[in-house]
């Protein structure tokens, strides 16, 4: 039974298992000291609170119900798809890209008979949309949370700097949608579902207060309050939150912190990255494609403050 559980864990959490193996290997080979010093605790604290709050919002069913109410007003397939793109972008700015997909894709599946041959195209556009939307705010995705916390960038400044890129991608997404989605007339009626009013509203308040506390050095106290609330009043949030994400981030910080201290790697990366902004950009692009965006962001942060 125990062997089956371990096998199930490996199959489900391949990245986390790989990071654990890498961590053990680095400990054995390099015998590093002060490994906990590599962890960006402000990021871990904020992510811990964020995964509870966004899970509570998802569990409240509010955004699903809101989407149902609004969708009933659409009579053309292209307009419906554009609406799904729009809510994917808006939700991802505050709920993170992953949580948003857990909301919009199941909802889109209910529209499969209506969308017909444009069903998969709509899901494809939603996946792009959550990535476009999530890049605009510091809480839209995990790498943004890390950058926001590590470099202490003001919330509004962060969004303002990324706004031109967001607009450019948003326009491209709209143009692409007009090209691939047919403008056919449709009839939709979805029965209204219920949602947990109180849990949703309290989660909204907690999110706002958590963002404020994070920029005023009270995030740990706020995290304790958030954890206590869900522990006593909505325990399923604690149970269903993605705690493996937190462990994954901790291992990212430790592993890439240790790797960045290896002399040959340190010398090569420092030489490449610190040459100019273009080399920093191209290195970031290459690494994000090779090892994905979160580990690339954490790794490069060890070599530059840009």
C-alpha atoms as a PDB file:
ATOM      1  CA  UNK A   1       0.000   0.000   0.000  1.00  0.00           C
ATOM      2  CA  UNK A   2       2.826   2.362   0.922  1.00  0.00           C
ATOM      3  CA  UNK A   3       4.610   1.643  -2.369  1.00  0.00           C
ATOM      4  CA  UNK A   4       1.436   2.453  -4.302  1.00  0.00           C
ATOM      5  CA  UNK A   5       1.086   5.774  -2.479  1.00  0.00           C
ATOM      6  CA  UNK A   6       4.663   6.778  -3.339  1.00  0.00           C
ATOM      7  CA  UNK A   7       4.136   5.768  -6.967  1.00  0.00           C
ATOM      8  CA  UNK A   8       0.920   7.788  -7.075  1.00  0.00           C
ATOM      9  CA  UNK A   9       2.748  10.810  -5.654  1.00  0.00           C
ATOM     10  CA  UNK A  10       5.528  10.528  -8.259  1.00  0.00           C
ATOM     11  CA  UNK A  11       3.033  10.290 -11.126  1.00  0.00           C
ATOM     12  CA  UNK A  12       0.980  13.241  -9.855  1.00  0.00           C
ATOM     13  CA  UNK A  13       3.816  15.506  -8.703  1.00  0.00           C
ATOM     14  CA  UNK A  14       6.638  14.808 -11.154  1.00  0.00           C
ATOM     15  CA  UNK A  15       8.193  18.277 -10.781  1.00  0.00           C
ATOM     16  CA  UNK A  16       8.128  18.182  -6.986  1.00  0.00           C
ATOM     17  CA  UNK A  17       9.639  14.689  -6.961  1.00  0.00           C
ATOM     18  CA  UNK A  18      12.412  15.822  -9.323  1.00  0.00           C
ATOM     19  CA  UNK A  19      13.153  18.832  -7.108  1.00  0.00           C
ATOM     20  CA  UNK A  20      13.360  16.598  -4.036  1.00  0.00           C
ATOM     21  CA  UNK A  21      15.830  14.301  -5.821  1.00  0.00           C
ATOM     22  CA  UNK A  22      17.858  17.309  -6.969  1.00  0.00           C
ATOM     23  CA  UNK A  23      17.896  18.703  -3.436  1.00  0.00           C
ATOM     24  CA  UNK A  24      19.144  15.399  -1.980  1.00  0.00           C
ATOM     25  CA  UNK A  25      21.806  15.145  -4.706  1.00  0.00           C
ATOM     26  CA  UNK A  26      23.048  18.688  -4.045  1.00  0.00           C
ATOM     27  CA  UNK A  27      23.234  17.994  -0.311  1.00  0.00           C
ATOM     28  CA  UNK A  28      25.302  14.853  -0.868  1.00  0.00           C
ATOM     29  CA  UNK A  29      27.645  16.243  -3.531  1.00  0.00           C
ATOM     30  CA  UNK A  30      28.140  19.885  -2.518  1.00  0.00           C
ATOM     31  CA  UNK A  31      27.338  19.804   1.221  1.00  0.00           C
ATOM     32  CA  UNK A  32      26.067  23.421   1.188  1.00  0.00           C
ATOM     33  CA  UNK A  33      25.704  25.555   4.319  1.00  0.00           C
ATOM     34  CA  UNK A  34      22.871  27.914   5.342  1.00  0.00           C
ATOM     35  CA  UNK A  35      20.464  26.464   2.802  1.00  0.00           C
ATOM     36  CA  UNK A  36      17.485  28.214   4.395  1.00  0.00           C
ATOM     37  CA  UNK A  37      19.061  31.589   3.617  1.00  0.00           C
ATOM     38  CA  UNK A  38      18.225  31.041  -0.058  1.00  0.00           C
ATOM     39  CA  UNK A  39      14.477  31.063   0.631  1.00  0.00           C
ATOM     40  CA  UNK A  40      12.593  34.271  -0.143  1.00  0.00           C
ATOM     41  CA  UNK A  41      10.280  34.079   2.870  1.00  0.00           C
ATOM     42  CA  UNK A  42       8.114  37.068   1.908  1.00  0.00           C
ATOM     43  CA  UNK A  43       7.186  35.262  -1.307  1.00  0.00           C
ATOM     44  CA  UNK A  44       6.430  32.024   0.553  1.00  0.00           C
ATOM     45  CA  UNK A  45       4.270  33.853   3.090  1.00  0.00           C
ATOM     46  CA  UNK A  46       2.292  35.722   0.434  1.00  0.00           C
ATOM     47  CA  UNK A  47       1.823  32.655  -1.776  1.00  0.00           C
ATOM     48  CA  UNK A  48       0.595  30.667   1.238  1.00  0.00           C
ATOM     49  CA  UNK A  49      -2.111  33.229   1.943  1.00  0.00           C
ATOM     50  CA  UNK A  50      -2.949  33.650  -1.731  1.00  0.00           C
ATOM     51  CA  UNK A  51      -3.537  29.945  -2.392  1.00  0.00           C
ATOM     52  CA  UNK A  52      -5.998  29.795   0.527  1.00  0.00           C
ATOM     53  CA  UNK A  53      -7.909  32.922  -0.488  1.00  0.00           C
ATOM     54  CA  UNK A  54      -8.141  32.020  -4.183  1.00  0.00           C
ATOM     55  CA  UNK A  55      -9.154  28.438  -3.328  1.00  0.00           C
ATOM     56  CA  UNK A  56     -11.915  29.835  -1.091  1.00  0.00           C
ATOM     57  CA  UNK A  57     -13.124  32.041  -3.962  1.00  0.00           C
ATOM     58  CA  UNK A  58     -13.105  29.069  -6.314  1.00  0.00           C
ATOM     59  CA  UNK A  59     -14.989  26.913  -3.789  1.00  0.00           C
ATOM     60  CA  UNK A  60     -17.594  29.655  -3.223  1.00  0.00           C
ATOM     61  CA  UNK A  61     -18.764  29.097  -6.832  1.00  0.00           C
ATOM     62  CA  UNK A  62     -19.341  32.841  -7.234  1.00  0.00           C
ATOM     63  CA  UNK A  63     -17.429  33.333 -10.479  1.00  0.00           C
ATOM     64  CA  UNK A  64     -19.115  30.290 -12.005  1.00  0.00           C
ATOM     65  CA  UNK A  65     -22.561  31.685 -11.151  1.00  0.00           C
ATOM     66  CA  UNK A  66     -21.615  35.162 -12.385  1.00  0.00           C
ATOM     67  CA  UNK A  67     -20.470  33.698 -15.697  1.00  0.00           C
ATOM     68  CA  UNK A  68     -23.745  31.781 -16.074  1.00  0.00           C
ATOM     69  CA  UNK A  69     -25.827  34.921 -15.537  1.00  0.00           C
ATOM     70  CA  UNK A  70     -23.845  36.917 -18.089  1.00  0.00           C
ATOM     71  CA  UNK A  71     -23.551  34.162 -20.700  1.00  0.00           C
ATOM     72  CA  UNK A  72     -27.338  33.868 -20.956  1.00  0.00           C
ATOM     73  CA  UNK A  73     -27.330  37.336 -22.535  1.00  0.00           C
ATOM     74  CA  UNK A  74     -25.256  36.342 -25.580  1.00  0.00           C
ATOM     75  CA  UNK A  75     -26.801  35.383 -28.932  1.00  0.00           C
ATOM     76  CA  UNK A  76     -23.730  35.027 -31.174  1.00  0.00           C
ATOM     77  CA  UNK A  77     -20.919  32.522 -30.848  1.00  0.00           C
ATOM     78  CA  UNK A  78     -18.100  35.020 -31.456  1.00  0.00           C
ATOM     79  CA  UNK A  79     -19.452  37.371 -28.796  1.00  0.00           C
ATOM     80  CA  UNK A  80     -19.683  34.458 -26.375  1.00  0.00           C
ATOM     81  CA  UNK A  81     -16.065  33.488 -27.040  1.00  0.00           C
ATOM     82  CA  UNK A  82     -14.904  37.090 -26.641  1.00  0.00           C
ATOM     83  CA  UNK A  83     -16.728  37.221 -23.321  1.00  0.00           C
ATOM     84  CA  UNK A  84     -15.012  34.016 -22.149  1.00  0.00           C
ATOM     85  CA  UNK A  85     -11.666  35.542 -23.143  1.00  0.00           C
ATOM     86  CA  UNK A  86     -12.515  38.734 -21.275  1.00  0.00           C
ATOM     87  CA  UNK A  87     -13.484  37.009 -18.008  1.00  0.00           C
ATOM     88  CA  UNK A  88     -10.420  34.751 -18.294  1.00  0.00           C
ATOM     89  CA  UNK A  89      -8.224  37.836 -18.426  1.00  0.00           C
ATOM     90  CA  UNK A  90     -10.013  39.659 -15.581  1.00  0.00           C
ATOM     91  CA  UNK A  91     -10.203  36.636 -13.258  1.00  0.00           C
ATOM     92  CA  UNK A  92      -6.544  35.719 -13.835  1.00  0.00           C
ATOM     93  CA  UNK A  93      -5.387  39.171 -12.754  1.00  0.00           C
ATOM     94  CA  UNK A  94      -6.543  38.454  -9.198  1.00  0.00           C
ATOM     95  CA  UNK A  95      -7.140  34.699  -8.890  1.00  0.00           C
ATOM     96  CA  UNK A  96      -3.889  33.591 -10.643  1.00  0.00           C
ATOM     97  CA  UNK A  97      -3.822  31.872 -14.018  1.00  0.00           C
ATOM     98  CA  UNK A  98      -4.150  28.301 -12.698  1.00  0.00           C
ATOM     99  CA  UNK A  99      -7.184  28.958 -10.496  1.00  0.00           C
ATOM    100  CA  UNK A 100      -8.873  30.834 -13.342  1.00  0.00           C
ATOM    101  CA  UNK A 101      -8.477  27.852 -15.653  1.00  0.00           C
ATOM    102  CA  UNK A 102     -10.105  25.633 -13.026  1.00  0.00           C
ATOM    103  CA  UNK A 103     -13.127  27.957 -13.227  1.00  0.00           C
ATOM    104  CA  UNK A 104     -13.447  28.843 -16.922  1.00  0.00           C
ATOM    105  CA  UNK A 105     -12.654  25.482 -18.524  1.00  0.00           C
ATOM    106  CA  UNK A 106     -15.316  23.467 -16.618  1.00  0.00           C
ATOM    107  CA  UNK A 107     -17.739  26.280 -17.397  1.00  0.00           C
ATOM    108  CA  UNK A 108     -16.805  26.189 -21.096  1.00  0.00           C
ATOM    109  CA  UNK A 109     -17.399  22.447 -21.082  1.00  0.00           C
ATOM    110  CA  UNK A 110     -21.063  23.197 -20.251  1.00  0.00           C
ATOM    111  CA  UNK A 111     -21.175  25.225 -23.485  1.00  0.00           C
ATOM    112  CA  UNK A 112     -19.786  22.450 -25.682  1.00  0.00           C
ATOM    113  CA  UNK A 113     -23.090  21.818 -27.500  1.00  0.00           C
ATOM    114  CA  UNK A 114     -23.448  25.527 -28.204  1.00  0.00           C
ATOM    115  CA  UNK A 115     -19.873  26.145 -29.355  1.00  0.00           C
ATOM    116  CA  UNK A 116     -19.758  22.915 -31.405  1.00  0.00           C
ATOM    117  CA  UNK A 117     -16.648  22.859 -33.615  1.00  0.00           C
ATOM    118  CA  UNK A 118     -15.337  26.065 -31.983  1.00  0.00           C
ATOM    119  CA  UNK A 119     -15.310  24.444 -28.535  1.00  0.00           C
ATOM    120  CA  UNK A 120     -11.609  23.487 -28.480  1.00  0.00           C
ATOM    121  CA  UNK A 121     -10.650  26.776 -30.129  1.00  0.00           C
ATOM    122  CA  UNK A 122     -12.368  28.639 -27.295  1.00  0.00           C
ATOM    123  CA  UNK A 123     -10.500  26.640 -24.649  1.00  0.00           C
ATOM    124  CA  UNK A 124      -7.246  27.321 -26.496  1.00  0.00           C
ATOM    125  CA  UNK A 125      -8.013  31.063 -26.492  1.00  0.00           C
ATOM    126  CA  UNK A 126      -8.867  30.948 -22.770  1.00  0.00           C
ATOM    127  CA  UNK A 127      -5.506  29.366 -21.975  1.00  0.00           C
ATOM    128  CA  UNK A 128      -3.762  32.192 -23.828  1.00  0.00           C
ATOM    129  CA  UNK A 129      -6.041  34.765 -22.164  1.00  0.00           C
ATOM    130  CA  UNK A 130      -5.219  33.719 -18.584  1.00  0.00           C
ATOM    131  CA  UNK A 131      -1.527  34.096 -19.335  1.00  0.00           C
ATOM    132  CA  UNK A 132      -2.089  37.522 -20.888  1.00  0.00           C
ATOM    133  CA  UNK A 133      -4.188  38.705 -17.952  1.00  0.00           C
ATOM    134  CA  UNK A 134      -2.075  37.221 -15.185  1.00  0.00           C
ATOM    135  CA  UNK A 135       1.065  39.016 -16.358  1.00  0.00           C
ATOM    136  CA  UNK A 136      -0.452  42.439 -15.588  1.00  0.00           C
ATOM    137  CA  UNK A 137      -0.670  42.252 -11.782  1.00  0.00           C
ATOM    138  CA  UNK A 138       1.790  41.218  -9.053  1.00  0.00           C
ATOM    139  CA  UNK A 139      -0.636  38.513  -7.871  1.00  0.00           C
ATOM    140  CA  UNK A 140      -1.519  37.125 -11.311  1.00  0.00           C
ATOM    141  CA  UNK A 141       0.986  34.266 -11.274  1.00  0.00           C
ATOM    142  CA  UNK A 142       3.688  32.851  -8.964  1.00  0.00           C
ATOM    143  CA  UNK A 143       6.672  34.435 -10.729  1.00  0.00           C
ATOM    144  CA  UNK A 144       5.022  37.848 -10.499  1.00  0.00           C
ATOM    145  CA  UNK A 145       4.476  37.360  -6.765  1.00  0.00           C
ATOM    146  CA  UNK A 146       8.158  36.531  -6.397  1.00  0.00           C
ATOM    147  CA  UNK A 147       9.337  39.580  -8.394  1.00  0.00           C
ATOM    148  CA  UNK A 148       6.916  41.845  -6.530  1.00  0.00           C
ATOM    149  CA  UNK A 149       8.064  40.651  -3.124  1.00  0.00           C
ATOM    150  CA  UNK A 150      11.783  40.320  -3.820  1.00  0.00           C
ATOM    151  CA  UNK A 151      12.292  43.677  -5.526  1.00  0.00           C
ATOM    152  CA  UNK A 152       9.648  45.532  -3.487  1.00  0.00           C
ATOM    153  CA  UNK A 153       7.982  47.010  -6.568  1.00  0.00           C
ATOM    154  CA  UNK A 154       4.817  49.054  -5.795  1.00  0.00           C
ATOM    155  CA  UNK A 155       1.634  47.301  -6.962  1.00  0.00           C
ATOM    156  CA  UNK A 156       0.581  50.108  -9.321  1.00  0.00           C
ATOM    157  CA  UNK A 157       4.096  50.588 -10.744  1.00  0.00           C
ATOM    158  CA  UNK A 158       4.339  46.876 -11.497  1.00  0.00           C
ATOM    159  CA  UNK A 159       1.079  46.946 -13.490  1.00  0.00           C
ATOM    160  CA  UNK A 160       1.885  50.250 -15.178  1.00  0.00           C
ATOM    161  CA  UNK A 161       5.214  48.957 -16.522  1.00  0.00           C
ATOM    162  CA  UNK A 162       3.587  45.852 -17.984  1.00  0.00           C
ATOM    163  CA  UNK A 163       0.510  47.621 -19.359  1.00  0.00           C
ATOM    164  CA  UNK A 164       1.921  48.312 -22.885  1.00  0.00           C
ATOM    165  CA  UNK A 165       2.871  44.647 -23.303  1.00  0.00           C
ATOM    166  CA  UNK A 166      -0.536  43.591 -21.981  1.00  0.00           C
ATOM    167  CA  UNK A 167      -2.377  45.849 -24.456  1.00  0.00           C
ATOM    168  CA  UNK A 168      -0.274  44.570 -27.367  1.00  0.00           C
ATOM    169  CA  UNK A 169      -0.989  40.924 -26.500  1.00  0.00           C
ATOM    170  CA  UNK A 170      -4.655  41.652 -25.797  1.00  0.00           C
ATOM    171  CA  UNK A 171      -5.138  43.216 -29.250  1.00  0.00           C
ATOM    172  CA  UNK A 172      -3.406  40.264 -30.928  1.00  0.00           C
ATOM    173  CA  UNK A 173      -5.637  37.867 -29.002  1.00  0.00           C
ATOM    174  CA  UNK A 174      -8.780  39.708 -30.085  1.00  0.00           C
ATOM    175  CA  UNK A 175      -7.681  39.762 -33.741  1.00  0.00           C
ATOM    176  CA  UNK A 176      -6.867  36.056 -33.623  1.00  0.00           C
ATOM    177  CA  UNK A 177     -10.280  35.346 -32.071  1.00  0.00           C
ATOM    178  CA  UNK A 178     -12.082  37.211 -34.862  1.00  0.00           C
ATOM    179  CA  UNK A 179     -10.186  35.145 -37.418  1.00  0.00           C
ATOM    180  CA  UNK A 180     -10.861  31.664 -36.041  1.00  0.00           C
ATOM    181  CA  UNK A 181     -14.303  31.895 -34.370  1.00  0.00           C
ATOM    182  CA  UNK A 182     -17.433  31.866 -36.544  1.00  0.00           C
ATOM    183  CA  UNK A 183     -20.056  34.526 -35.915  1.00  0.00           C
ATOM    184  CA  UNK A 184     -23.026  32.121 -35.795  1.00  0.00           C
ATOM    185  CA  UNK A 185     -26.297  32.778 -34.001  1.00  0.00           C
ATOM    186  CA  UNK A 186     -26.775  30.675 -30.854  1.00  0.00           C
ATOM    187  CA  UNK A 187     -29.375  30.082 -28.145  1.00  0.00           C
ATOM    188  CA  UNK A 188     -28.208  29.639 -24.565  1.00  0.00           C
ATOM    189  CA  UNK A 189     -30.023  29.081 -21.338  1.00  0.00           C
ATOM    190  CA  UNK A 190     -28.143  27.911 -18.261  1.00  0.00           C
ATOM    191  CA  UNK A 191     -29.985  27.411 -15.014  1.00  0.00           C
ATOM    192  CA  UNK A 192     -28.734  29.589 -12.191  1.00  0.00           C
ATOM    193  CA  UNK A 193     -26.687  27.823  -9.528  1.00  0.00           C
ATOM    194  CA  UNK A 194     -26.057  28.853  -5.944  1.00  0.00           C
ATOM    195  CA  UNK A 195     -22.893  30.239  -4.399  1.00  0.00           C
ATOM    196  CA  UNK A 196     -21.611  30.771  -0.864  1.00  0.00           C
ATOM    197  CA  UNK A 197     -22.156  34.502  -0.391  1.00  0.00           C
ATOM    198  CA  UNK A 198     -20.451  34.990   2.956  1.00  0.00           C
ATOM    199  CA  UNK A 199     -17.290  33.006   2.166  1.00  0.00           C
ATOM    200  CA  UNK A 200     -16.832  34.874  -1.104  1.00  0.00           C
ATOM    201  CA  UNK A 201     -17.240  38.346   0.386  1.00  0.00           C
ATOM    202  CA  UNK A 202     -14.976  37.590   3.335  1.00  0.00           C
ATOM    203  CA  UNK A 203     -12.334  36.205   0.943  1.00  0.00           C
ATOM    204  CA  UNK A 204     -12.467  39.431  -1.104  1.00  0.00           C
ATOM    205  CA  UNK A 205     -11.908  41.460   2.066  1.00  0.00           C
ATOM    206  CA  UNK A 206      -9.067  39.159   3.158  1.00  0.00           C
ATOM    207  CA  UNK A 207      -7.381  39.478  -0.256  1.00  0.00           C
ATOM    208  CA  UNK A 208      -7.470  43.287  -0.155  1.00  0.00           C
ATOM    209  CA  UNK A 209      -6.165  43.393   3.418  1.00  0.00           C
ATOM    210  CA  UNK A 210      -3.486  40.814   2.602  1.00  0.00           C
ATOM    211  CA  UNK A 211      -2.171  42.881  -0.311  1.00  0.00           C
ATOM    212  CA  UNK A 212      -2.044  45.975   1.911  1.00  0.00           C
ATOM    213  CA  UNK A 213      -0.326  44.085   4.733  1.00  0.00           C
ATOM    214  CA  UNK A 214       2.262  42.624   2.343  1.00  0.00           C
ATOM    215  CA  UNK A 215       3.525  46.098   1.472  1.00  0.00           C
ATOM    216  CA  UNK A 216       3.536  47.223   5.117  1.00  0.00           C
ATOM    217  CA  UNK A 217       5.527  44.308   6.562  1.00  0.00           C
ATOM    218  CA  UNK A 218       2.559  42.685   8.304  1.00  0.00           C
ATOM    219  CA  UNK A 219       2.131  39.763   5.920  1.00  0.00           C
ATOM    220  CA  UNK A 220       3.064  37.091   8.492  1.00  0.00           C
ATOM    221  CA  UNK A 221       0.466  38.364  10.976  1.00  0.00           C
ATOM    222  CA  UNK A 222      -2.083  38.559   8.142  1.00  0.00           C
ATOM    223  CA  UNK A 223      -1.233  34.989   7.082  1.00  0.00           C
ATOM    224  CA  UNK A 224      -1.870  33.714  10.623  1.00  0.00           C
ATOM    225  CA  UNK A 225      -5.253  35.478  10.658  1.00  0.00           C
ATOM    226  CA  UNK A 226      -6.188  34.085   7.228  1.00  0.00           C
ATOM    227  CA  UNK A 227      -5.133  30.559   8.163  1.00  0.00           C
ATOM    228  CA  UNK A 228      -7.043  30.759  11.456  1.00  0.00           C
ATOM    229  CA  UNK A 229     -10.214  31.973   9.754  1.00  0.00           C
ATOM    230  CA  UNK A 230     -10.301  29.150   7.211  1.00  0.00           C
ATOM    231  CA  UNK A 231      -9.230  26.594   9.806  1.00  0.00           C
ATOM    232  CA  UNK A 232     -12.203  27.342  12.037  1.00  0.00           C
ATOM    233  CA  UNK A 233     -14.860  28.506   9.556  1.00  0.00           C
ATOM    234  CA  UNK A 234     -14.080  26.869   6.193  1.00  0.00           C
ATOM    235  CA  UNK A 235     -11.705  23.965   6.743  1.00  0.00           C
ATOM    236  CA  UNK A 236     -12.172  22.537   3.248  1.00  0.00           C
ATOM    237  CA  UNK A 237     -10.086  25.470   1.952  1.00  0.00           C
ATOM    238  CA  UNK A 238      -7.113  24.373   4.094  1.00  0.00           C
ATOM    239  CA  UNK A 239      -7.588  20.798   2.926  1.00  0.00           C
ATOM    240  CA  UNK A 240      -7.899  21.595  -0.788  1.00  0.00           C
ATOM    241  CA  UNK A 241      -5.281  24.376  -1.083  1.00  0.00           C
ATOM    242  CA  UNK A 242      -2.272  23.501  -3.223  1.00  0.00           C
ATOM    243  CA  UNK A 243       0.358  23.203  -0.484  1.00  0.00           C
ATOM    244  CA  UNK A 244       2.610  21.290  -2.859  1.00  0.00           C
ATOM    245  CA  UNK A 245       3.076  24.598  -4.702  1.00  0.00           C
ATOM    246  CA  UNK A 246       4.602  26.099  -1.545  1.00  0.00           C
ATOM    247  CA  UNK A 247       6.960  23.157  -1.112  1.00  0.00           C
ATOM    248  CA  UNK A 248       7.862  23.402  -4.807  1.00  0.00           C
ATOM    249  CA  UNK A 249       8.749  27.083  -4.402  1.00  0.00           C
ATOM    250  CA  UNK A 250      10.869  26.382  -1.309  1.00  0.00           C
ATOM    251  CA  UNK A 251      12.802  23.742  -3.247  1.00  0.00           C
ATOM    252  CA  UNK A 252      13.159  26.116  -6.219  1.00  0.00           C
ATOM    253  CA  UNK A 253      14.723  28.729  -3.940  1.00  0.00           C
ATOM    254  CA  UNK A 254      17.074  26.284  -2.228  1.00  0.00           C
ATOM    255  CA  UNK A 255      18.136  24.298  -5.298  1.00  0.00           C
ATOM    256  CA  UNK A 256      18.763  27.262  -7.579  1.00  0.00           C
ATOM    257  CA  UNK A 257      20.381  29.185  -4.743  1.00  0.00           C
ATOM    258  CA  UNK A 258      22.872  26.345  -4.262  1.00  0.00           C
ATOM    259  CA  UNK A 259      23.439  25.929  -8.015  1.00  0.00           C
ATOM    260  CA  UNK A 260      24.055  29.663  -8.450  1.00  0.00           C
ATOM    261  CA  UNK A 261      26.925  29.438  -5.944  1.00  0.00           C
ATOM    262  CA  UNK A 262      28.827  26.865  -8.018  1.00  0.00           C
ATOM    263  CA  UNK A 263      31.831  28.852  -9.284  1.00  0.00           C
ATOM    264  CA  UNK A 264      31.775  27.866 -12.942  1.00  0.00           C
ATOM    265  CA  UNK A 265      28.025  28.465 -13.255  1.00  0.00           C
ATOM    266  CA  UNK A 266      28.256  31.722 -11.330  1.00  0.00           C
ATOM    267  CA  UNK A 267      31.018  33.025 -13.597  1.00  0.00           C
ATOM    268  CA  UNK A 268      29.279  32.044 -16.842  1.00  0.00           C
ATOM    269  CA  UNK A 269      25.830  33.387 -15.944  1.00  0.00           C
ATOM    270  CA  UNK A 270      27.185  36.592 -14.402  1.00  0.00           C
ATOM    271  CA  UNK A 271      29.205  37.284 -17.544  1.00  0.00           C
ATOM    272  CA  UNK A 272      26.244  36.615 -19.833  1.00  0.00           C
ATOM    273  CA  UNK A 273      23.525  38.407 -17.860  1.00  0.00           C
ATOM    274  CA  UNK A 274      25.366  41.478 -16.655  1.00  0.00           C
ATOM    275  CA  UNK A 275      26.630  42.442 -20.124  1.00  0.00           C
ATOM    276  CA  UNK A 276      23.526  44.491 -21.013  1.00  0.00           C
ATOM    277  CA  UNK A 277      19.735  44.511 -20.819  1.00  0.00           C
ATOM    278  CA  UNK A 278      19.382  42.695 -24.132  1.00  0.00           C
ATOM    279  CA  UNK A 279      21.492  39.779 -22.921  1.00  0.00           C
ATOM    280  CA  UNK A 280      19.435  39.668 -19.719  1.00  0.00           C
ATOM    281  CA  UNK A 281      16.224  39.563 -21.751  1.00  0.00           C
ATOM    282  CA  UNK A 282      17.417  36.875 -24.162  1.00  0.00           C
ATOM    283  CA  UNK A 283      18.826  34.753 -21.336  1.00  0.00           C
ATOM    284  CA  UNK A 284      15.513  35.016 -19.489  1.00  0.00           C
ATOM    285  CA  UNK A 285      13.594  33.970 -22.603  1.00  0.00           C
ATOM    286  CA  UNK A 286      15.893  31.023 -23.271  1.00  0.00           C
ATOM    287  CA  UNK A 287      15.833  29.763 -19.682  1.00  0.00           C
ATOM    288  CA  UNK A 288      12.067  30.138 -19.340  1.00  0.00           C
ATOM    289  CA  UNK A 289      11.635  27.943 -22.419  1.00  0.00           C
ATOM    290  CA  UNK A 290      14.174  25.421 -21.164  1.00  0.00           C
ATOM    291  CA  UNK A 291      13.172  25.093 -17.496  1.00  0.00           C
ATOM    292  CA  UNK A 292       9.837  27.051 -17.388  1.00  0.00           C
ATOM    293  CA  UNK A 293       9.157  30.567 -16.154  1.00  0.00           C
ATOM    294  CA  UNK A 294       9.142  30.190 -12.342  1.00  0.00           C
ATOM    295  CA  UNK A 295      12.506  28.409 -11.914  1.00  0.00           C
ATOM    296  CA  UNK A 296      14.053  30.665 -14.581  1.00  0.00           C
ATOM    297  CA  UNK A 297      12.902  33.775 -12.698  1.00  0.00           C
ATOM    298  CA  UNK A 298      14.234  32.492  -9.370  1.00  0.00           C
ATOM    299  CA  UNK A 299      17.543  31.366 -10.874  1.00  0.00           C
ATOM    300  CA  UNK A 300      18.245  34.640 -12.717  1.00  0.00           C
ATOM    301  CA  UNK A 301      17.353  36.694  -9.635  1.00  0.00           C
ATOM    302  CA  UNK A 302      20.525  35.365  -8.011  1.00  0.00           C
ATOM    303  CA  UNK A 303      22.603  37.282 -10.566  1.00  0.00           C
ATOM    304  CA  UNK A 304      20.850  40.595 -11.147  1.00  0.00           C
ATOM    305  CA  UNK A 305      18.708  43.250  -9.475  1.00  0.00           C
ATOM    306  CA  UNK A 306      17.339  44.467 -12.805  1.00  0.00           C
END
